[in-house]
All heavy atoms as atom14 arrays in JSON, in Angstrom:
{
  "sequence": "ALLGVALPVPIFDRNQGNILAAQRRVDQARDAARAAEIRL",
  "atom14_mask": [
    [1, 1, 1, 1, 1, 0, 0, 0, 0, 0, 0, 0, 0, 0],
    [1, 1, 1, 1, 1, 1, 1, 1, 0, 0, 0, 0, 0, 0],
    [1, 1, 1, 1, 1, 1, 1, 1, 0, 0, 0, 0, 0, 0],
    [1, 1, 1, 1, 0, 0, 0, 0, 0, 0, 0, 0, 0, 0],
    [1, 1, 1, 1, 1, 1, 1, 0, 0, 0, 0, 0, 0, 0],
    [1, 1, 1, 1, 1, 0, 0, 0, 0, 0, 0, 0, 0, 0],
    [1, 1, 1, 1, 1, 1, 1, 1, 0, 0, 0, 0, 0, 0],
    [1, 1, 1, 1, 1, 1, 1, 0, 0, 0, 0, 0, 0, 0],
    [1, 1, 1, 1, 1, 1, 1, 0, 0, 0, 0, 0, 0, 0],
    [1, 1, 1, 1, 1, 1, 1, 0, 0, 0, 0, 0, 0, 0],
    [1, 1, 1, 1, 1, 1, 1, 1, 0, 0, 0, 0, 0, 0],
    [1, 1, 1, 1, 1, 1, 1, 1, 1, 1, 1, 0, 0, 0],
    [1, 1, 1, 1, 1, 1, 1, 1, 0, 0, 0, 0, 0, 0],
    [1, 1, 1, 1, 1, 1, 1, 1, 1, 1, 1, 0, 0, 0],
    [1, 1, 1, 1, 1, 1, 1, 1, 0, 0, 0, 0, 0, 0],
    [1, 1, 1, 1, 1, 1, 1, 1, 1, 0, 0, 0, 0, 0],
    [1, 1, 1, 1, 0, 0, 0, 0, 0, 0, 0, 0, 0, 0],
    [1, 1, 1, 1, 1, 1, 1, 1, 0, 0, 0, 0, 0, 0],
    [1, 1, 1, 1, 1, 1, 1, 1, 0, 0, 0, 0, 0, 0],
    [1, 1, 1, 1, 1, 1, 1, 1, 0, 0, 0, 0, 0, 0],
    [1, 1, 1, 1, 1, 0, 0, 0, 0, 0, 0, 0, 0, 0],
    [1, 1, 1, 1, 1, 0, 0, 0, 0, 0, 0, 0, 0, 0],
    [1, 1, 1, 1, 1, 1, 1, 1, 1, 0, 0, 0, 0, 0],
    [1, 1, 1, 1, 1, 1, 1, 1, 1, 1, 1, 0, 0, 0],
    [1, 1, 1, 1, 1, 1, 1, 1, 1, 1, 1, 0, 0, 0],
    [1, 1, 1, 1, 1, 1, 1, 0, 0, 0, 0, 0, 0, 0],
    [1, 1, 1, 1, 1, 1, 1, 1, 0, 0, 0, 0, 0, 0],
    [1, 1, 1, 1, 1, 1, 1, 1, 1, 0, 0, 0, 0, 0],
    [1, 1, 1, 1, 1, 0, 0, 0, 0, 0, 0, 0, 0, 0],
    [1, 1, 1, 1, 1, 1, 1, 1, 1, 1, 1, 0, 0, 0],
    [1, 1, 1, 1, 1, 1, 1, 1, 0, 0, 0, 0, 0, 0],
    [1, 1, 1, 1, 1, 0, 0, 0, 0, 0, 0, 0, 0, 0],
    [1, 1, 1, 1, 1, 0, 0, 0, 0, 0, 0, 0, 0, 0],
    [1, 1, 1, 1, 1, 1, 1, 1, 1, 1, 1, 0, 0, 0],
    [1, 1, 1, 1, 1, 0, 0, 0, 0, 0, 0, 0, 0, 0],
    [1, 1, 1, 1, 1, 0, 0, 0, 0, 0, 0, 0, 0, 0],
    [1, 1, 1, 1, 1, 1, 1, 1, 1, 0, 0, 0, 0, 0],
    [1, 1, 1, 1, 1, 1, 1, 1, 0, 0, 0, 0, 0, 0],
    [1, 1, 1, 1, 1, 1, 1, 1, 1, 1, 1, 0, 0, 0],
    [1, 1, 1, 1, 1, 1, 1, 1, 0, 0, 0, 0, 0, 0]
  ],
  "atom14_positions": [
    [[31.52, 17.03, -35.63], [31.34, 16.68, -34.29], [29.9, 16.87, -33.74], [29.18, 17.74, -34.3], [32.37, 17.54, -33.47], [0.0, 0.0, 0.0], [0.0, 0.0, 0.0], [0.0, 0.0, 0.0], [0.0, 0.0, 0.0], [0.0, 0.0, 0.0], [0.0, 0.0, 0.0], [0.0, 0.0, 0.0], [0.0, 0.0, 0.0], [0.0, 0.0, 0.0]],
    [[29.55, 16.1, -32.82], [28.26, 16.11, -32.27], [28.14, 16.44, -30.77], [28.95, 15.82, -29.98], [27.44, 14.82, -32.51], [26.12, 14.6, -32.06], [25.15, 15.66, -32.82], [25.56, 13.29, -32.24], [0.0, 0.0, 0.0], [0.0, 0.0, 0.0], [0.0, 0.0, 0.0], [0.0, 0.0, 0.0], [0.0, 0.0, 0.0], [0.0, 0.0, 0.0]],
    [[27.42, 17.39, -30.33], [27.35, 17.75, -28.91], [25.93, 18.11, -28.63], [25.3, 18.92, -29.29], [28.28, 18.95, -28.56], [28.2, 19.4, -27.17], [28.63, 18.37, -26.17], [28.98, 20.71, -26.99], [0.0, 0.0, 0.0], [0.0, 0.0, 0.0], [0.0, 0.0, 0.0], [0.0, 0.0, 0.0], [0.0, 0.0, 0.0], [0.0, 0.0, 0.0]],
    [[25.34, 17.4, -27.67], [23.88, 17.66, -27.28], [23.69, 17.68, -25.8], [24.39, 17.08, -25.07], [0.0, 0.0, 0.0], [0.0, 0.0, 0.0], [0.0, 0.0, 0.0], [0.0, 0.0, 0.0], [0.0, 0.0, 0.0], [0.0, 0.0, 0.0], [0.0, 0.0, 0.0], [0.0, 0.0, 0.0], [0.0, 0.0, 0.0], [0.0, 0.0, 0.0]],
    [[22.7, 18.48, -25.36], [22.36, 18.63, -24.07], [20.76, 18.63, -23.9], [20.13, 19.33, -24.69], [22.9, 19.89, -23.39], [22.34, 20.02, -21.93], [24.37, 19.89, -23.38], [0.0, 0.0, 0.0], [0.0, 0.0, 0.0], [0.0, 0.0, 0.0], [0.0, 0.0, 0.0], [0.0, 0.0, 0.0], [0.0, 0.0, 0.0], [0.0, 0.0, 0.0]],
    [[20.25, 17.75, -23.03], [18.76, 17.59, -22.87], [18.42, 17.81, -21.44], [19.07, 17.16, -20.56], [18.29, 16.3, -23.42], [0.0, 0.0, 0.0], [0.0, 0.0, 0.0], [0.0, 0.0, 0.0], [0.0, 0.0, 0.0], [0.0, 0.0, 0.0], [0.0, 0.0, 0.0], [0.0, 0.0, 0.0], [0.0, 0.0, 0.0], [0.0, 0.0, 0.0]],
    [[17.46, 18.63, -21.09], [17.16, 18.88, -19.76], [15.61, 19.09, -19.64], [15.1, 20.19, -20.22], [17.89, 20.16, -19.11], [17.49, 20.38, -17.67], [18.1, 19.32, -16.72], [18.13, 21.79, -17.3], [0.0, 0.0, 0.0], [0.0, 0.0, 0.0], [0.0, 0.0, 0.0], [0.0, 0.0, 0.0], [0.0, 0.0, 0.0], [0.0, 0.0, 0.0]],
    [[14.87, 18.14, -19.07], [13.35, 18.38, -18.99], [13.05, 19.66, -18.09], [13.86, 19.9, -17.23], [12.92, 17.1, -18.31], [13.9, 16.11, -18.53], [15.3, 16.84, -18.62], [0.0, 0.0, 0.0], [0.0, 0.0, 0.0], [0.0, 0.0, 0.0], [0.0, 0.0, 0.0], [0.0, 0.0, 0.0], [0.0, 0.0, 0.0], [0.0, 0.0, 0.0]],
    [[11.98, 20.22, -18.45], [11.51, 21.44, -17.73], [10.41, 21.13, -16.75], [9.33, 20.67, -17.28], [10.99, 22.56, -18.77], [10.63, 23.79, -18.0], [12.19, 22.9, -19.69], [0.0, 0.0, 0.0], [0.0, 0.0, 0.0], [0.0, 0.0, 0.0], [0.0, 0.0, 0.0], [0.0, 0.0, 0.0], [0.0, 0.0, 0.0], [0.0, 0.0, 0.0]],
    [[10.59, 21.06, -15.45], [9.59, 20.68, -14.55], [8.48, 21.68, -14.4], [8.51, 22.48, -13.34], [10.39, 20.39, -13.29], [11.52, 21.21, -13.33], [11.86, 21.45, -14.81], [0.0, 0.0, 0.0], [0.0, 0.0, 0.0], [0.0, 0.0, 0.0], [0.0, 0.0, 0.0], [0.0, 0.0, 0.0], [0.0, 0.0, 0.0], [0.0, 0.0, 0.0]],
    [[7.51, 21.78, -15.27], [6.48, 22.74, -15.05], [5.18, 22.05, -14.59], [4.67, 22.58, -13.56], [6.07, 23.31, -16.56], [7.29, 23.98, -17.11], [4.88, 24.16, -16.47], [7.05, 24.61, -18.46], [0.0, 0.0, 0.0], [0.0, 0.0, 0.0], [0.0, 0.0, 0.0], [0.0, 0.0, 0.0], [0.0, 0.0, 0.0], [0.0, 0.0, 0.0]],
    [[4.76, 20.89, -14.98], [3.6, 20.2, -14.54], [3.85, 19.27, -13.34], [3.29, 19.2, -12.28], [2.76, 19.63, -15.7], [2.56, 20.6, -16.76], [3.25, 20.59, -17.95], [1.48, 21.5, -16.55], [2.95, 21.44, -18.99], [1.24, 22.48, -17.66], [1.92, 22.39, -18.84], [0.0, 0.0, 0.0], [0.0, 0.0, 0.0], [0.0, 0.0, 0.0]],
    [[4.77, 18.37, -13.69], [5.16, 17.27, -12.81], [6.43, 17.55, -12.05], [7.54, 17.57, -12.62], [5.39, 15.92, -13.67], [5.67, 14.73, -12.75], [5.53, 14.91, -11.48], [5.92, 13.69, -13.29], [0.0, 0.0, 0.0], [0.0, 0.0, 0.0], [0.0, 0.0, 0.0], [0.0, 0.0, 0.0], [0.0, 0.0, 0.0], [0.0, 0.0, 0.0]],
    [[6.15, 17.9, -10.75], [7.33, 18.19, -9.89], [7.4, 17.15, -8.8], [7.99, 17.39, -7.71], [7.3, 19.53, -9.32], [7.35, 20.69, -10.3], [7.26, 22.05, -9.73], [6.13, 22.26, -8.86], [4.96, 22.73, -9.4], [4.76, 22.85, -10.7], [3.92, 22.83, -8.57], [0.0, 0.0, 0.0], [0.0, 0.0, 0.0], [0.0, 0.0, 0.0]],
    [[6.79, 15.99, -8.98], [6.82, 14.84, -8.1], [6.05, 15.22, -6.68], [6.34, 14.68, -5.75], [8.2, 14.38, -7.85], [8.32, 12.89, -7.29], [7.5, 12.09, -7.8], [9.15, 12.69, -6.37], [0.0, 0.0, 0.0], [0.0, 0.0, 0.0], [0.0, 0.0, 0.0], [0.0, 0.0, 0.0], [0.0, 0.0, 0.0], [0.0, 0.0, 0.0]],
    [[5.05, 16.21, -6.88], [4.55, 16.7, -5.65], [3.67, 15.59, -4.94], [3.45, 15.52, -3.76], [3.79, 17.99, -5.9], [2.72, 17.84, -6.99], [3.31, 18.26, -8.33], [4.38, 17.98, -8.65], [2.52, 18.98, -9.14], [0.0, 0.0, 0.0], [0.0, 0.0, 0.0], [0.0, 0.0, 0.0], [0.0, 0.0, 0.0], [0.0, 0.0, 0.0]],
    [[2.95, 14.79, -5.81], [2.1, 13.78, -5.2], [2.87, 12.76, -4.43], [2.51, 12.26, -3.27], [0.0, 0.0, 0.0], [0.0, 0.0, 0.0], [0.0, 0.0, 0.0], [0.0, 0.0, 0.0], [0.0, 0.0, 0.0], [0.0, 0.0, 0.0], [0.0, 0.0, 0.0], [0.0, 0.0, 0.0], [0.0, 0.0, 0.0], [0.0, 0.0, 0.0]],
    [[4.08, 12.3, -4.98], [4.83, 11.21, -4.24], [5.41, 11.87, -3.03], [5.58, 11.15, -2.03], [5.89, 10.82, -5.17], [5.43, 9.86, -6.26], [4.33, 9.23, -6.1], [6.05, 9.79, -7.42], [0.0, 0.0, 0.0], [0.0, 0.0, 0.0], [0.0, 0.0, 0.0], [0.0, 0.0, 0.0], [0.0, 0.0, 0.0], [0.0, 0.0, 0.0]],
    [[5.84, 13.15, -3.03], [6.44, 13.81, -1.85], [5.25, 13.83, -0.76], [5.63, 13.49, 0.43], [6.9, 15.13, -2.22], [8.04, 15.05, -3.14], [7.27, 15.91, -0.96], [8.58, 16.4, -3.59], [0.0, 0.0, 0.0], [0.0, 0.0, 0.0], [0.0, 0.0, 0.0], [0.0, 0.0, 0.0], [0.0, 0.0, 0.0], [0.0, 0.0, 0.0]],
    [[4.05, 14.22, -1.08], [3.0, 14.29, -0.06], [2.64, 12.9, 0.45], [2.44, 12.72, 1.63], [1.79, 14.91, -0.74], [0.54, 15.12, 0.26], [0.99, 16.11, 1.38], [-0.63, 15.68, -0.61], [0.0, 0.0, 0.0], [0.0, 0.0, 0.0], [0.0, 0.0, 0.0], [0.0, 0.0, 0.0], [0.0, 0.0, 0.0], [0.0, 0.0, 0.0]],
    [[2.65, 11.93, -0.39], [2.4, 10.54, 0.17], [3.56, 10.05, 1.04], [3.2, 9.45, 2.08], [2.26, 9.62, -1.06], [0.0, 0.0, 0.0], [0.0, 0.0, 0.0], [0.0, 0.0, 0.0], [0.0, 0.0, 0.0], [0.0, 0.0, 0.0], [0.0, 0.0, 0.0], [0.0, 0.0, 0.0], [0.0, 0.0, 0.0], [0.0, 0.0, 0.0]],
    [[4.78, 10.34, 0.74], [5.89, 9.95, 1.63], [5.78, 10.69, 3.0], [6.13, 10.14, 3.98], [7.2, 10.25, 0.88], [0.0, 0.0, 0.0], [0.0, 0.0, 0.0], [0.0, 0.0, 0.0], [0.0, 0.0, 0.0], [0.0, 0.0, 0.0], [0.0, 0.0, 0.0], [0.0, 0.0, 0.0], [0.0, 0.0, 0.0], [0.0, 0.0, 0.0]],
    [[5.4, 12.07, 3.0], [5.25, 12.7, 4.27], [4.15, 12.1, 5.06], [4.28, 11.98, 6.36], [4.99, 14.11, 4.02], [6.2, 14.84, 3.43], [5.83, 16.28, 2.94], [4.61, 16.63, 2.77], [6.81, 17.08, 2.68], [0.0, 0.0, 0.0], [0.0, 0.0, 0.0], [0.0, 0.0, 0.0], [0.0, 0.0, 0.0], [0.0, 0.0, 0.0]],
    [[3.08, 11.71, 4.43], [1.89, 10.99, 5.15], [2.36, 9.73, 5.86], [2.0, 9.42, 6.84], [0.69, 10.88, 4.31], [0.13, 12.17, 3.89], [-0.39, 12.92, 5.01], [-0.8, 14.28, 4.7], [-0.23, 15.43, 4.73], [1.08, 15.34, 5.11], [-0.69, 16.58, 4.35], [0.0, 0.0, 0.0], [0.0, 0.0, 0.0], [0.0, 0.0, 0.0]],
    [[3.19, 9.08, 5.12], [3.7, 7.73, 5.58], [4.77, 7.91, 6.78], [4.78, 7.04, 7.59], [4.29, 6.88, 4.49], [3.3, 6.32, 3.52], [3.9, 5.39, 2.66], [2.89, 4.77, 1.77], [2.61, 5.12, 0.49], [3.34, 6.17, -0.1], [1.67, 4.56, -0.21], [0.0, 0.0, 0.0], [0.0, 0.0, 0.0], [0.0, 0.0, 0.0]],
    [[5.43, 9.05, 6.74], [6.17, 9.27, 7.93], [5.32, 9.58, 9.19], [5.62, 9.01, 10.26], [7.0, 10.73, 7.71], [7.64, 11.13, 8.98], [8.07, 10.28, 6.62], [0.0, 0.0, 0.0], [0.0, 0.0, 0.0], [0.0, 0.0, 0.0], [0.0, 0.0, 0.0], [0.0, 0.0, 0.0], [0.0, 0.0, 0.0], [0.0, 0.0, 0.0]],
    [[4.32, 10.28, 9.07], [3.35, 10.47, 10.21], [2.76, 9.05, 10.57], [2.62, 8.79, 11.81], [2.18, 11.35, 9.79], [2.66, 12.86, 9.32], [3.78, 13.14, 9.89], [1.94, 13.49, 8.54], [0.0, 0.0, 0.0], [0.0, 0.0, 0.0], [0.0, 0.0, 0.0], [0.0, 0.0, 0.0], [0.0, 0.0, 0.0], [0.0, 0.0, 0.0]],
    [[2.45, 8.19, 9.62], [1.88, 6.88, 9.93], [2.98, 6.1, 10.77], [2.6, 5.37, 11.72], [1.58, 6.21, 8.72], [1.05, 4.78, 8.97], [0.9, 4.02, 7.58], [1.56, 4.28, 6.64], [-0.04, 2.97, 7.62], [0.0, 0.0, 0.0], [0.0, 0.0, 0.0], [0.0, 0.0, 0.0], [0.0, 0.0, 0.0], [0.0, 0.0, 0.0]],
    [[4.2, 6.17, 10.34], [5.25, 5.49, 11.1], [5.55, 6.0, 12.53], [5.77, 5.17, 13.44], [6.6, 5.52, 10.26], [0.0, 0.0, 0.0], [0.0, 0.0, 0.0], [0.0, 0.0, 0.0], [0.0, 0.0, 0.0], [0.0, 0.0, 0.0], [0.0, 0.0, 0.0], [0.0, 0.0, 0.0], [0.0, 0.0, 0.0], [0.0, 0.0, 0.0]],
    [[5.27, 7.34, 12.63], [5.37, 7.89, 14.05], [4.2, 7.36, 14.97], [4.48, 7.0, 16.17], [5.43, 9.37, 14.0], [6.7, 9.95, 13.39], [6.78, 11.37, 13.78], [8.05, 12.02, 13.23], [8.1, 12.72, 12.09], [7.01, 12.88, 11.38], [9.22, 13.19, 11.66], [0.0, 0.0, 0.0], [0.0, 0.0, 0.0], [0.0, 0.0, 0.0]],
    [[3.06, 7.3, 14.33], [1.92, 6.73, 15.17], [2.1, 5.3, 15.54], [1.87, 4.89, 16.61], [0.61, 6.98, 14.36], [0.24, 8.41, 14.17], [0.75, 9.29, 14.99], [-0.57, 8.69, 13.27], [0.0, 0.0, 0.0], [0.0, 0.0, 0.0], [0.0, 0.0, 0.0], [0.0, 0.0, 0.0], [0.0, 0.0, 0.0], [0.0, 0.0, 0.0]],
    [[2.73, 4.55, 14.49], [2.97, 3.17, 14.78], [3.99, 2.91, 15.79], [3.86, 2.01, 16.67], [3.32, 2.43, 13.42], [0.0, 0.0, 0.0], [0.0, 0.0, 0.0], [0.0, 0.0, 0.0], [0.0, 0.0, 0.0], [0.0, 0.0, 0.0], [0.0, 0.0, 0.0], [0.0, 0.0, 0.0], [0.0, 0.0, 0.0], [0.0, 0.0, 0.0]],
    [[4.96, 3.81, 15.86], [6.05, 3.69, 16.92], [5.5, 3.99, 18.3], [5.8, 3.35, 19.23], [7.2, 4.64, 16.5], [0.0, 0.0, 0.0], [0.0, 0.0, 0.0], [0.0, 0.0, 0.0], [0.0, 0.0, 0.0], [0.0, 0.0, 0.0], [0.0, 0.0, 0.0], [0.0, 0.0, 0.0], [0.0, 0.0, 0.0], [0.0, 0.0, 0.0]],
    [[4.62, 5.01, 18.37], [4.0, 5.32, 19.67], [3.15, 4.09, 20.13], [3.15, 3.66, 21.31], [3.23, 6.57, 19.64], [4.08, 7.84, 19.47], [3.28, 9.04, 19.77], [2.34, 9.32, 18.8], [2.49, 10.06, 17.72], [3.69, 10.68, 17.52], [1.62, 10.26, 16.86], [0.0, 0.0, 0.0], [0.0, 0.0, 0.0], [0.0, 0.0, 0.0]],
    [[2.37, 3.5, 19.21], [1.56, 2.52, 19.52], [2.38, 1.22, 19.98], [2.06, 0.47, 20.87], [0.65, 2.06, 18.37], [0.0, 0.0, 0.0], [0.0, 0.0, 0.0], [0.0, 0.0, 0.0], [0.0, 0.0, 0.0], [0.0, 0.0, 0.0], [0.0, 0.0, 0.0], [0.0, 0.0, 0.0], [0.0, 0.0, 0.0], [0.0, 0.0, 0.0]],
    [[3.54, 0.92, 19.33], [4.34, -0.09, 19.67], [4.96, 0.04, 21.07], [5.02, -0.87, 21.86], [5.44, -0.21, 18.59], [0.0, 0.0, 0.0], [0.0, 0.0, 0.0], [0.0, 0.0, 0.0], [0.0, 0.0, 0.0], [0.0, 0.0, 0.0], [0.0, 0.0, 0.0], [0.0, 0.0, 0.0], [0.0, 0.0, 0.0], [0.0, 0.0, 0.0]],
    [[5.32, 1.31, 21.41], [5.95, 1.61, 22.73], [4.82, 1.24, 23.77], [5.17, 0.69, 24.81], [6.43, 3.0, 22.82], [7.12, 3.32, 24.09], [7.69, 4.72, 24.13], [7.48, 5.42, 23.07], [8.41, 5.07, 25.16], [0.0, 0.0, 0.0], [0.0, 0.0, 0.0], [0.0, 0.0, 0.0], [0.0, 0.0, 0.0], [0.0, 0.0, 0.0]],
    [[3.58, 1.84, 23.58], [2.52, 1.62, 24.54], [2.21, 0.08, 24.73], [2.1, -0.46, 25.82], [1.21, 2.33, 24.1], [1.48, 3.93, 24.25], [0.06, 2.0, 25.03], [0.45, 4.69, 23.64], [0.0, 0.0, 0.0], [0.0, 0.0, 0.0], [0.0, 0.0, 0.0], [0.0, 0.0, 0.0], [0.0, 0.0, 0.0], [0.0, 0.0, 0.0]],
    [[2.17, -0.61, 23.61], [1.95, -2.09, 23.48], [3.0, -2.88, 24.35], [2.68, -3.81, 25.11], [1.68, -2.56, 22.19], [1.3, -3.92, 22.1], [0.96, -4.32, 20.69], [1.99, -4.1, 19.67], [2.07, -3.14, 18.8], [1.04, -2.22, 18.77], [3.08, -2.86, 18.02], [0.0, 0.0, 0.0], [0.0, 0.0, 0.0], [0.0, 0.0, 0.0]],
    [[4.29, -2.5, 23.98], [5.38, -3.16, 24.69], [5.45, -3.03, 26.26], [5.6, -3.94, 26.96], [6.62, -2.84, 24.04], [6.92, -3.5, 22.63], [8.15, -2.93, 22.12], [6.87, -4.97, 22.6], [0.0, 0.0, 0.0], [0.0, 0.0, 0.0], [0.0, 0.0, 0.0], [0.0, 0.0, 0.0], [0.0, 0.0, 0.0], [0.0, 0.0, 0.0]]
  ]
}
């Protein structure tokens, strides 16, 4: 019988760059929403 388990260890890459970029895009979307409200 064969049984295996594989689990990567998140030591170096914890997706921190993509998380930070997504948070900055949230701020960008909020600014765009305020600008759209003023423009309308």
